[in-house]
C-alpha atoms as a PDB file:
ATOM      1  CA  MET A   1       0.000   0.000   0.000  1.00  0.00           C
ATOM      2  CA  GLU A   2       0.977   3.662   0.028  1.00  0.00           C
ATOM      3  CA  ILE A   3       0.870   5.882   3.084  1.00  0.00           C
ATOM      4  CA  GLY A   4       1.708   9.436   4.062  1.00  0.00           C
ATOM      5  CA  LEU A   5       3.597   9.758   7.338  1.00  0.00           C
ATOM      6  CA  TYR A   6       4.198  13.193   8.835  1.00  0.00           C
ATOM      7  CA  GLY A   7       6.457  13.652  11.850  1.00  0.00           C
ATOM      8  CA  LEU A   8       9.833  11.936  11.610  1.00  0.00           C
ATOM      9  CA  GLY A   9      11.118  12.068  15.160  1.00  0.00           C
ATOM     10  CA  ARG A  10      12.644   9.121  17.013  1.00  0.00           C
ATOM     11  CA  MET A  11       9.607   6.918  16.464  1.00  0.00           C
ATOM     12  CA  GLY A  12       8.134   8.399  13.299  1.00  0.00           C
ATOM     13  CA  GLY A  13      11.404   8.154  11.388  1.00  0.00           C
ATOM     14  CA  ASN A  14      11.882   4.514  12.355  1.00  0.00           C
ATOM     15  CA  MET A  15       8.283   3.733  11.455  1.00  0.00           C
ATOM     16  CA  ALA A  16       8.782   5.235   7.995  1.00  0.00           C
ATOM     17  CA  THR A  17      11.866   3.051   7.549  1.00  0.00           C
ATOM     18  CA  ARG A  18      10.086  -0.107   8.723  1.00  0.00           C
ATOM     19  CA  LEU A  19       7.181   0.576   6.343  1.00  0.00           C
ATOM     20  CA  ALA A  20       9.518   1.219   3.409  1.00  0.00           C
ATOM     21  CA  ARG A  21      11.471  -1.969   4.164  1.00  0.00           C
ATOM     22  CA  GLY A  22       8.140  -3.782   4.227  1.00  0.00           C
ATOM     23  CA  GLY A  23       7.499  -2.837   0.622  1.00  0.00           C
ATOM     24  CA  HIS A  24       5.110   0.063   1.134  1.00  0.00           C
ATOM     25  CA  ARG A  25       5.330   3.360  -0.720  1.00  0.00           C
ATOM     26  CA  VAL A  26       5.902   5.869   2.069  1.00  0.00           C
ATOM     27  CA  ILE A  27       5.578   9.593   1.447  1.00  0.00           C
ATOM     28  CA  ALA A  28       7.446  11.145   4.361  1.00  0.00           C
ATOM     29  CA  GLY A  29       7.040  14.708   5.603  1.00  0.00           C
ATOM     30  CA  ASN A  30       8.371  16.726   8.505  1.00  0.00           C
ATOM     31  CA  ARG A  31       8.491  20.330   9.678  1.00  0.00           C
ATOM     32  CA  SER A  32      12.286  20.439   9.145  1.00  0.00           C
ATOM     33  CA  PRO A  33      13.917  18.947   6.039  1.00  0.00           C
ATOM     34  CA  GLU A  34      16.787  16.914   7.517  1.00  0.00           C
ATOM     35  CA  PRO A  35      14.629  14.007   8.799  1.00  0.00           C
ATOM     36  CA  VAL A  36      12.915  13.856   5.404  1.00  0.00           C
ATOM     37  CA  GLN A  37      16.288  13.421   3.719  1.00  0.00           C
ATOM     38  CA  GLU A  38      17.140  10.629   6.158  1.00  0.00           C
ATOM     39  CA  ALA A  39      13.813   8.910   5.462  1.00  0.00           C
ATOM     40  CA  VAL A  40      14.493   9.116   1.732  1.00  0.00           C
ATOM     41  CA  ALA A  41      17.861   7.468   2.314  1.00  0.00           C
ATOM     42  CA  HIS A  42      15.969   4.574   3.928  1.00  0.00           C
ATOM     43  CA  GLY A  43      13.544   4.088   1.071  1.00  0.00           C
ATOM     44  CA  ALA A  44      10.796   6.660   1.549  1.00  0.00           C
ATOM     45  CA  VAL A  45       9.707   9.361  -0.893  1.00  0.00           C
ATOM     46  CA  GLY A  46      10.203  12.879   0.403  1.00  0.00           C
ATOM     47  CA  ALA A  47       7.544  15.573   0.667  1.00  0.00           C
ATOM     48  CA  LYS A  48       8.198  19.297   1.021  1.00  0.00           C
ATOM     49  CA  SER A  49       4.919  19.977   2.818  1.00  0.00           C
ATOM     50  CA  VAL A  50       1.670  18.346   3.932  1.00  0.00           C
ATOM     51  CA  GLU A  51       0.073  19.492   0.680  1.00  0.00           C
ATOM     52  CA  ASP A  52       2.911  17.939  -1.326  1.00  0.00           C
ATOM     53  CA  MET A  53       2.650  14.709   0.689  1.00  0.00           C
ATOM     54  CA  ILE A  54      -1.076  14.374   0.040  1.00  0.00           C
ATOM     55  CA  ARG A  55      -0.736  15.318  -3.614  1.00  0.00           C
ATOM     56  CA  GLN A  56       1.590  12.330  -4.134  1.00  0.00           C
ATOM     57  CA  LEU A  57      -0.967   9.833  -2.769  1.00  0.00           C
ATOM     58  CA  LYS A  58      -4.055   8.333  -4.391  1.00  0.00           C
ATOM     59  CA  PRO A  59      -7.360   8.274  -2.502  1.00  0.00           C
ATOM     60  CA  PRO A  60      -8.498   6.752  -0.283  1.00  0.00           C
ATOM     61  CA  ARG A  61      -5.361   7.955   1.448  1.00  0.00           C
ATOM     62  CA  VAL A  62      -3.924   6.958   4.807  1.00  0.00           C
ATOM     63  CA  LEU A  63      -2.421  10.086   6.391  1.00  0.00           C
ATOM     64  CA  TRP A  64      -0.541   9.254   9.579  1.00  0.00           C
ATOM     65  CA  ALA A  65       0.650  11.906  12.087  1.00  0.00           C
ATOM     66  CA  MET A  66       3.479  11.155  14.542  1.00  0.00           C
ATOM     67  CA  VAL A  67       3.793  14.483  16.357  1.00  0.00           C
ATOM     68  CA  PRO A  68       3.563  15.583  20.027  1.00  0.00           C
ATOM     69  CA  ALA A  69       0.166  15.524  21.697  1.00  0.00           C
ATOM     70  CA  GLY A  70      -1.964  18.640  21.973  1.00  0.00           C
ATOM     71  CA  GLU A  71      -1.754  21.587  19.604  1.00  0.00           C
ATOM     72  CA  PRO A  72       0.913  20.031  17.320  1.00  0.00           C
ATOM     73  CA  THR A  73      -1.434  17.105  16.673  1.00  0.00           C
ATOM     74  CA  ASP A  74      -4.389  19.415  16.062  1.00  0.00           C
ATOM     75  CA  HIS A  75      -2.338  21.432  13.580  1.00  0.00           C
ATOM     76  CA  ALA A  76      -1.086  18.357  11.718  1.00  0.00           C
ATOM     77  CA  LEU A  77      -4.520  16.759  11.459  1.00  0.00           C
ATOM     78  CA  ASP A  78      -6.135  20.038  10.392  1.00  0.00           C
ATOM     79  CA  ASP A  79      -3.502  20.351   7.670  1.00  0.00           C
ATOM     80  CA  PHE A  80      -4.342  16.824   6.543  1.00  0.00           C
ATOM     81  CA  ALA A  81      -8.047  17.671   6.443  1.00  0.00           C
ATOM     82  CA  ARG A  82      -7.388  20.847   4.457  1.00  0.00           C
ATOM     83  CA  TYR A  83      -6.000  18.895   1.499  1.00  0.00           C
ATOM     84  CA  ALA A  84      -7.616  15.472   1.956  1.00  0.00           C
ATOM     85  CA  SER A  85     -10.509  13.983  -0.012  1.00  0.00           C
ATOM     86  CA  LYS A  86     -13.686  12.500   1.412  1.00  0.00           C
ATOM     87  CA  GLY A  87     -13.097   8.951   2.569  1.00  0.00           C
ATOM     88  CA  ASP A  88      -9.433   9.484   3.421  1.00  0.00           C
ATOM     89  CA  VAL A  89      -8.198   8.026   6.725  1.00  0.00           C
ATOM     90  CA  LEU A  90      -6.511  10.345   9.224  1.00  0.00           C
ATOM     91  CA  VAL A  91      -4.387   8.566  11.838  1.00  0.00           C
ATOM     92  CA  ASP A  92      -3.046   9.988  15.088  1.00  0.00           C
ATOM     93  CA  GLY A  93      -0.215   7.725  16.254  1.00  0.00           C
ATOM     94  CA  GLY A  94       0.961  10.036  19.030  1.00  0.00           C
ATOM     95  CA  ASN A  95       0.267   9.882  22.768  1.00  0.00           C
ATOM     96  CA  SER A  96      -2.914  11.938  22.658  1.00  0.00           C
ATOM     97  CA  ASN A  97      -5.516  12.096  25.395  1.00  0.00           C
ATOM     98  CA  PHE A  98      -8.308   9.697  24.422  1.00  0.00           C
ATOM     99  CA  ARG A  99     -10.924  12.409  24.987  1.00  0.00           C
ATOM    100  CA  ASP A 100      -9.156  14.577  22.406  1.00  0.00           C
ATOM    101  CA  SER A 101      -9.305  11.614  20.014  1.00  0.00           C
ATOM    102  CA  MET A 102     -13.055  11.258  20.551  1.00  0.00           C
ATOM    103  CA  ARG A 103     -13.500  14.978  19.860  1.00  0.00           C
ATOM    104  CA  ARG A 104     -11.374  14.839  16.733  1.00  0.00           C
ATOM    105  CA  ALA A 105     -13.255  11.837  15.375  1.00  0.00           C
ATOM    106  CA  VAL A 106     -16.553  13.744  15.497  1.00  0.00           C
ATOM    107  CA  LYS A 107     -14.948  16.783  13.887  1.00  0.00           C
ATOM    108  CA  TYR A 108     -13.402  14.943  10.947  1.00  0.00           C
ATOM    109  CA  GLU A 109     -16.354  12.625  10.428  1.00  0.00           C
ATOM    110  CA  ALA A 110     -18.475  15.720   9.845  1.00  0.00           C
ATOM    111  CA  MET A 111     -16.026  16.615   7.062  1.00  0.00           C
ATOM    112  CA  GLY A 112     -16.438  13.223   5.369  1.00  0.00           C
ATOM    113  CA  LEU A 113     -13.105  11.877   6.674  1.00  0.00           C
ATOM    114  CA  ARG A 114     -12.340   8.778   8.732  1.00  0.00           C
ATOM    115  CA  PHE A 115     -10.198   8.927  11.858  1.00  0.00           C
ATOM    116  CA  LEU A 116      -8.148   6.351  13.757  1.00  0.00           C
ATOM    117  CA  ASP A 117      -6.435   6.809  17.116  1.00  0.00           C
ATOM    118  CA  VAL A 118      -3.480   4.447  17.350  1.00  0.00           C
ATOM    119  CA  GLY A 119      -1.519   4.097  20.562  1.00  0.00           C
ATOM    120  CA  VAL A 120       2.018   3.049  19.649  1.00  0.00           C
ATOM    121  CA  SER A 121       4.517   1.408  22.014  1.00  0.00           C
ATOM    122  CA  GLY A 122       8.006   0.186  21.226  1.00  0.00           C
ATOM    123  CA  GLY A 123      10.220   3.241  21.444  1.00  0.00           C
ATOM    124  CA  ILE A 124      13.509   3.266  19.590  1.00  0.00           C
ATOM    125  CA  TRP A 125      13.491  -0.560  19.486  1.00  0.00           C
ATOM    126  CA  GLY A 126      10.402  -0.730  17.299  1.00  0.00           C
ATOM    127  CA  LEU A 127      12.326  -0.549  14.040  1.00  0.00           C
ATOM    128  CA  ALA A 128      13.892  -3.953  14.644  1.00  0.00           C
ATOM    129  CA  ASN A 129      11.316  -5.579  16.921  1.00  0.00           C
ATOM    130  CA  GLY A 130       8.042  -4.066  15.713  1.00  0.00           C
ATOM    131  CA  TYR A 131       5.551  -1.803  17.461  1.00  0.00           C
ATOM    132  CA  CYS A 132       2.708  -2.786  19.756  1.00  0.00           C
ATOM    133  CA  MET A 133      -0.315  -0.843  18.504  1.00  0.00           C
ATOM    134  CA  MET A 134      -3.732  -0.236  20.039  1.00  0.00           C
ATOM    135  CA  VAL A 135      -6.335   0.981  17.541  1.00  0.00           C
ATOM    136  CA  GLY A 136      -9.618   2.828  17.977  1.00  0.00           C
ATOM    137  CA  GLY A 137     -11.999   3.912  15.217  1.00  0.00           C
ATOM    138  CA  PRO A 138     -14.372   2.663  12.524  1.00  0.00           C
ATOM    139  CA  ALA A 139     -13.801  -0.820  11.145  1.00  0.00           C
ATOM    140  CA  ASP A 140     -13.769   0.336   7.510  1.00  0.00           C
ATOM    141  CA  ALA A 141     -10.891   2.710   8.259  1.00  0.00           C
ATOM    142  CA  VAL A 142      -9.008  -0.046  10.097  1.00  0.00           C
ATOM    143  CA  ALA A 143      -9.385  -2.282   7.037  1.00  0.00           C
ATOM    144  CA  ILE A 144      -7.748   0.357   4.834  1.00  0.00           C
ATOM    145  CA  ALA A 145      -4.836   0.852   7.241  1.00  0.00           C
ATOM    146  CA  LYS A 146      -4.421  -2.874   7.994  1.00  0.00           C
ATOM    147  CA  PRO A 147      -1.463  -3.535   5.632  1.00  0.00           C
ATOM    148  CA  ALA A 148       0.550  -0.805   7.367  1.00  0.00           C
ATOM    149  CA  LEU A 149      -0.456  -2.043  10.824  1.00  0.00           C
ATOM    150  CA  ASP A 150       0.554  -5.592   9.883  1.00  0.00           C
ATOM    151  CA  THR A 151       3.992  -4.379   8.785  1.00  0.00           C
ATOM    152  CA  LEU A 152       4.613  -2.101  11.756  1.00  0.00           C
ATOM    153  CA  ALA A 153       3.628  -4.650  14.413  1.00  0.00           C
ATOM    154  CA  PRO A 154       5.183  -8.009  15.283  1.00  0.00           C
ATOM    155  CA  PRO A 155       2.878 -11.036  14.910  1.00  0.00           C
ATOM    156  CA  ASN A 156      -0.310 -10.493  16.962  1.00  0.00           C
ATOM    157  CA  GLY A 157       1.117  -7.104  17.939  1.00  0.00           C
ATOM    158  CA  TRP A 158      -1.884  -4.916  17.120  1.00  0.00           C
ATOM    159  CA  ALA A 159      -5.614  -5.017  17.786  1.00  0.00           C
ATOM    160  CA  HIS A 160      -8.729  -2.978  17.078  1.00  0.00           C
ATOM    161  CA  PHE A 161     -10.374  -2.163  20.410  1.00  0.00           C
ATOM    162  CA  GLY A 162     -13.545  -0.469  19.198  1.00  0.00           C
ATOM    163  CA  LYS A 163     -14.810   3.050  18.708  1.00  0.00           C
ATOM    164  CA  ASN A 164     -12.667   6.164  18.537  1.00  0.00           C
ATOM    165  CA  GLY A 165     -10.813   6.892  21.752  1.00  0.00           C
ATOM    166  CA  ALA A 166     -10.420   3.215  22.663  1.00  0.00           C
ATOM    167  CA  GLY A 167      -6.939   2.967  21.154  1.00  0.00           C
ATOM    168  CA  HIS A 168      -5.541   5.915  23.038  1.00  0.00           C
ATOM    169  CA  PHE A 169      -7.397   4.885  26.218  1.00  0.00           C
ATOM    170  CA  VAL A 170      -5.726   1.456  26.195  1.00  0.00           C
ATOM    171  CA  LYS A 171      -2.351   3.109  25.479  1.00  0.00           C
ATOM    172  CA  MET A 172      -2.894   5.559  28.354  1.00  0.00           C
ATOM    173  CA  VAL A 173      -3.477   2.735  30.836  1.00  0.00           C
ATOM    174  CA  HIS A 174      -0.493   0.856  29.341  1.00  0.00           C
ATOM    175  CA  ASN A 175       1.728   3.841  30.114  1.00  0.00           C
ATOM    176  CA  GLY A 176       0.263   4.211  33.600  1.00  0.00           C
ATOM    177  CA  ILE A 177       1.201   0.584  34.317  1.00  0.00           C
ATOM    178  CA  GLU A 178       4.661   1.334  32.906  1.00  0.00           C
ATOM    179  CA  TYR A 179       5.034   4.149  35.462  1.00  0.00           C
ATOM    180  CA  GLY A 180       4.280   1.732  38.314  1.00  0.00           C
ATOM    181  CA  MET A 181       6.628  -0.962  37.019  1.00  0.00           C
ATOM    182  CA  MET A 182       9.492   1.497  36.600  1.00  0.00           C
ATOM    183  CA  GLN A 183       8.955   2.846  40.117  1.00  0.00           C
ATOM    184  CA  ALA A 184       8.932  -0.662  41.615  1.00  0.00           C
ATOM    185  CA  TYR A 185      12.190  -1.540  39.853  1.00  0.00           C
ATOM    186  CA  GLY A 186      13.693   1.777  40.954  1.00  0.00           C
ATOM    187  CA  GLU A 187      12.810   1.288  44.601  1.00  0.00           C
ATOM    188  CA  GLY A 188      13.966  -2.327  44.629  1.00  0.00           C
ATOM    189  CA  PHE A 189      17.313  -1.521  43.043  1.00  0.00           C
ATOM    190  CA  GLU A 190      17.765   1.423  45.427  1.00  0.00           C
ATOM    191  CA  LEU A 191      17.461  -0.952  48.381  1.00  0.00           C
ATOM    192  CA  LEU A 192      19.913  -3.374  46.769  1.00  0.00           C
ATOM    193  CA  HIS A 193      22.330  -0.484  46.140  1.00  0.00           C
ATOM    194  CA  ALA A 194      22.011   0.773  49.726  1.00  0.00           C
ATOM    195  CA  SER A 195      22.712  -2.616  51.317  1.00  0.00           C
ATOM    196  CA  GLU A 196      25.972  -3.653  52.951  1.00  0.00           C
ATOM    197  CA  PHE A 197      26.627  -6.336  50.326  1.00  0.00           C
ATOM    198  CA  GLN A 198      28.150  -4.157  47.574  1.00  0.00           C
ATOM    199  CA  LEU A 199      26.045  -5.914  44.972  1.00  0.00           C
ATOM    200  CA  ASP A 200      26.723  -5.882  41.248  1.00  0.00           C
ATOM    201  CA  LEU A 201      23.319  -4.726  40.051  1.00  0.00           C
ATOM    202  CA  ARG A 202      24.009  -5.768  36.481  1.00  0.00           C
ATOM    203  CA  MET A 203      24.575  -9.284  37.761  1.00  0.00           C
ATOM    204  CA  VAL A 204      21.333  -9.115  39.761  1.00  0.00           C
ATOM    205  CA  SER A 205      19.497  -8.059  36.592  1.00  0.00           C
ATOM    206  CA  GLN A 206      21.057 -10.859  34.564  1.00  0.00           C
ATOM    207  CA  VAL A 207      20.048 -13.499  37.109  1.00  0.00           C
ATOM    208  CA  TRP A 208      16.494 -12.150  37.430  1.00  0.00           C
ATOM    209  CA  LEU A 209      16.109 -12.298  33.652  1.00  0.00           C
ATOM    210  CA  GLN A 210      16.565 -16.080  33.740  1.00  0.00           C
ATOM    211  CA  GLY A 211      13.115 -17.426  34.619  1.00  0.00           C
ATOM    212  CA  SER A 212      12.310 -14.997  37.449  1.00  0.00           C
ATOM    213  CA  VAL A 213       8.693 -13.818  37.877  1.00  0.00           C
ATOM    214  CA  VAL A 214       9.921 -10.199  37.675  1.00  0.00           C
ATOM    215  CA  ARG A 215      11.711 -10.633  34.344  1.00  0.00           C
ATOM    216  CA  SER A 216      10.585  -8.180  31.664  1.00  0.00           C
ATOM    217  CA  TRP A 217      11.823  -5.977  28.846  1.00  0.00           C
ATOM    218  CA  LEU A 218      12.186  -3.134  31.355  1.00  0.00           C
ATOM    219  CA  LEU A 219      14.498  -5.350  33.402  1.00  0.00           C
ATOM    220  CA  GLU A 220      16.518  -6.055  30.245  1.00  0.00           C
ATOM    221  CA  LEU A 221      16.869  -2.295  29.818  1.00  0.00           C
ATOM    222  CA  ALA A 222      17.914  -1.936  33.467  1.00  0.00           C
ATOM    223  CA  GLU A 223      20.646  -4.526  32.891  1.00  0.00           C
ATOM    224  CA  ARG A 224      21.760  -2.535  29.859  1.00  0.00           C
ATOM    225  CA  ALA A 225      21.843   0.705  31.870  1.00  0.00           C
ATOM    226  CA  PHE A 226      23.954  -0.878  34.642  1.00  0.00           C
ATOM    227  CA  ALA A 227      26.326  -2.237  31.980  1.00  0.00           C
ATOM    228  CA  GLU A 228      26.774   1.254  30.550  1.00  0.00           C
ATOM    229  CA  ASP A 229      26.906   3.340  33.747  1.00  0.00           C
ATOM    230  CA  GLY A 230      27.753   0.895  36.546  1.00  0.00           C
ATOM    231  CA  SER A 231      25.777   0.105  39.675  1.00  0.00           C
ATOM    232  CA  ASP A 232      26.074   3.717  40.824  1.00  0.00           C
ATOM    233  CA  LEU A 233      24.511   5.047  37.577  1.00  0.00           C
ATOM    234  CA  SER A 234      26.990   7.866  38.054  1.00  0.00           C
ATOM    235  CA  GLY A 235      26.393   9.341  34.604  1.00  0.00           C
ATOM    236  CA  ILE A 236      22.656   9.837  35.137  1.00  0.00           C
ATOM    237  CA  LYS A 237      20.770  12.552  37.014  1.00  0.00           C
ATOM    238  CA  GLY A 238      17.668  11.292  38.816  1.00  0.00           C
ATOM    239  CA  TRP A 239      15.288  13.705  37.084  1.00  0.00           C
ATOM    240  CA  VAL A 240      12.266  12.021  35.485  1.00  0.00           C
ATOM    241  CA  GLU A 241       9.746  13.705  33.168  1.00  0.00           C
ATOM    242  CA  ASP A 242       6.170  12.588  32.671  1.00  0.00           C
ATOM    243  CA  SER A 243       4.540  13.003  29.270  1.00  0.00           C
ATOM    244  CA  GLY A 244       0.921  13.071  30.395  1.00  0.00           C
ATOM    245  CA  GLU A 245      -0.385   9.506  30.255  1.00  0.00           C
ATOM    246  CA  GLY A 246       0.349   8.755  33.924  1.00  0.00           C
ATOM    247  CA  ARG A 247      -1.550  11.873  34.993  1.00  0.00           C
ATOM    248  CA  TRP A 248      -4.482  11.020  32.740  1.00  0.00           C
ATOM    249  CA  THR A 249      -4.583   7.455  34.073  1.00  0.00           C
ATOM    250  CA  VAL A 250      -4.779   8.641  37.680  1.00  0.00           C
ATOM    251  CA  ILE A 251      -7.474  11.198  36.772  1.00  0.00           C
ATOM    252  CA  GLU A 252      -9.547   8.510  35.053  1.00  0.00           C
ATOM    253  CA  GLY A 253      -9.096   6.313  38.125  1.00  0.00           C
ATOM    254  CA  VAL A 254     -10.608   9.114  40.201  1.00  0.00           C
ATOM    255  CA  ASN A 255     -13.419   9.614  37.658  1.00  0.00           C
ATOM    256  CA  HIS A 256     -14.341   5.915  37.766  1.00  0.00           C
ATOM    257  CA  GLY A 257     -13.693   5.342  41.457  1.00  0.00           C
ATOM    258  CA  VAL A 258     -10.878   2.900  40.719  1.00  0.00           C
ATOM    259  CA  PRO A 259      -8.039   2.954  43.297  1.00  0.00           C
ATOM    260  CA  MET A 260      -4.681   3.415  41.566  1.00  0.00           C
ATOM    261  CA  THR A 261      -2.328   3.672  44.509  1.00  0.00           C
ATOM    262  CA  ALA A 262       0.809   2.255  42.851  1.00  0.00           C
ATOM    263  CA  ILE A 263       0.439   4.314  39.670  1.00  0.00           C
ATOM    264  CA  ALA A 264      -0.419   7.497  41.623  1.00  0.00           C
ATOM    265  CA  HIS A 265       2.637   6.997  43.838  1.00  0.00           C
ATOM    266  CA  SER A 266       4.874   6.493  40.811  1.00  0.00           C
ATOM    267  CA  LEU A 267       3.528   9.692  39.239  1.00  0.00           C
ATOM    268  CA  PHE A 268       4.171  11.767  42.370  1.00  0.00           C
ATOM    269  CA  ALA A 269       7.624  10.209  42.716  1.00  0.00           C
ATOM    270  CA  ARG A 270       8.451  11.690  39.318  1.00  0.00           C
ATOM    271  CA  PHE A 271       7.438  15.109  40.607  1.00  0.00           C
ATOM    272  CA  VAL A 272       9.746  14.628  43.609  1.00  0.00           C
ATOM    273  CA  SER A 273      12.617  13.758  41.253  1.00  0.00           C
ATOM    274  CA  ARG A 274      12.542  17.285  39.857  1.00  0.00           C
ATOM    275  CA  GLN A 275      12.933  19.031  43.203  1.00  0.00           C
ATOM    276  CA  ASP A 276      16.448  19.957  44.229  1.00  0.00           C
ATOM    277  CA  ASP A 277      15.215  20.619  47.759  1.00  0.00           C
ATOM    278  CA  SER A 278      11.596  19.773  48.552  1.00  0.00           C
ATOM    279  CA  TYR A 279       9.706  22.502  50.394  1.00  0.00           C
ATOM    280  CA  ALA A 280       7.387  19.870  51.863  1.00  0.00           C
ATOM    281  CA  MET A 281      10.403  18.140  53.381  1.00  0.00           C
ATOM    282  CA  LYS A 282      11.595  21.483  54.777  1.00  0.00           C
ATOM    283  CA  VAL A 283       8.243  21.792  56.560  1.00  0.00           C
ATOM    284  CA  ALA A 284       8.451  18.209  57.833  1.00  0.00           C
ATOM    285  CA  ALA A 285      11.970  18.816  59.166  1.00  0.00           C
ATOM    286  CA  ALA A 286      10.854  22.025  60.860  1.00  0.00           C
ATOM    287  CA  LEU A 287       7.895  20.274  62.517  1.00  0.00           C
ATOM    288  CA  ARG A 288      10.109  17.421  63.774  1.00  0.00           C
ATOM    289  CA  ASN A 289      12.393  20.035  65.295  1.00  0.00           C
ATOM    290  CA  GLN A 290       9.488  21.898  66.899  1.00  0.00           C
ATOM    291  CA  PHE A 291       7.729  18.945  68.531  1.00  0.00           C
ATOM    292  CA  GLY A 292      10.669  16.685  69.257  1.00  0.00           C
ATOM    293  CA  GLY A 293      13.755  18.849  69.236  1.00  0.00           C
ATOM    294  CA  HIS A 294      15.202  16.819  66.367  1.00  0.00           C
ATOM    295  CA  ALA A 295      18.314  18.373  64.845  1.00  0.00           C
ATOM    296  CA  LEU A 296      18.003  20.451  61.686  1.00  0.00           C
ATOM    297  CA  LYS A 297      20.437  20.478  58.814  1.00  0.00           C
ATOM    298  CA  LYS A 298      21.001  24.087  57.774  1.00  0.00           C
ATOM    299  CA  GLU A 299      21.722  25.195  54.195  1.00  0.00           C
END
């Protein structure tokens, strides 16, 4: 099949390459030209603009956006709609809020266009291993995009979960679970690192990967990190960003009355990671000093 893919960042660029290697005609576009040139070197056809990308495709087109959530996604999809034909399929493969995806589906359906929200997981490893993809939207649009989904995913690596919003909802919860898993690994390895045994944490990771109930791809990545930076992780600052999905998962837990204690804790732990000196901990130290005379450490 042929497909237009706009947004050639770390994931979008690799997806364009995987599609081209899979025999698809990929028209690749990006806000800056350098990633387009790289995509062309890997088998894609370059586009100078969204209009140029769409002009090079025959309807019904599949127009796939891989850009940051929020306004950048709105802008990309609106550009698609400006030049698209009725019946074309617009795909948002970014980490959008599922409620935004539901809103966008209504908007573009009214314009005679079809819309798919596709949650994509796999990171920089997806080029070689394939991407896990969670799809929401009308079945006829999924059928048109199916050849691309089959190429991008490993065997049994994608599924259609129902109406618009379902794909990004499943991806949101996936990322919330990821937050909790990462926090559990972090806390466990911190205790191992703090012990009196001077443990080789890469060796711990390697052993746990052999049949342990806590083995996972994340643990493989932990082993890789310890191999690169040592048990002290001396080359890494403990500052962790959150891209939105963890927050949205906790909010939806509140909305549905579902307790999400582990995921909520992992989200707030990321906030703590960005504080050089927590004000809340200053207050706690001051209170301990006031009621118990506990010593204070002065700056």
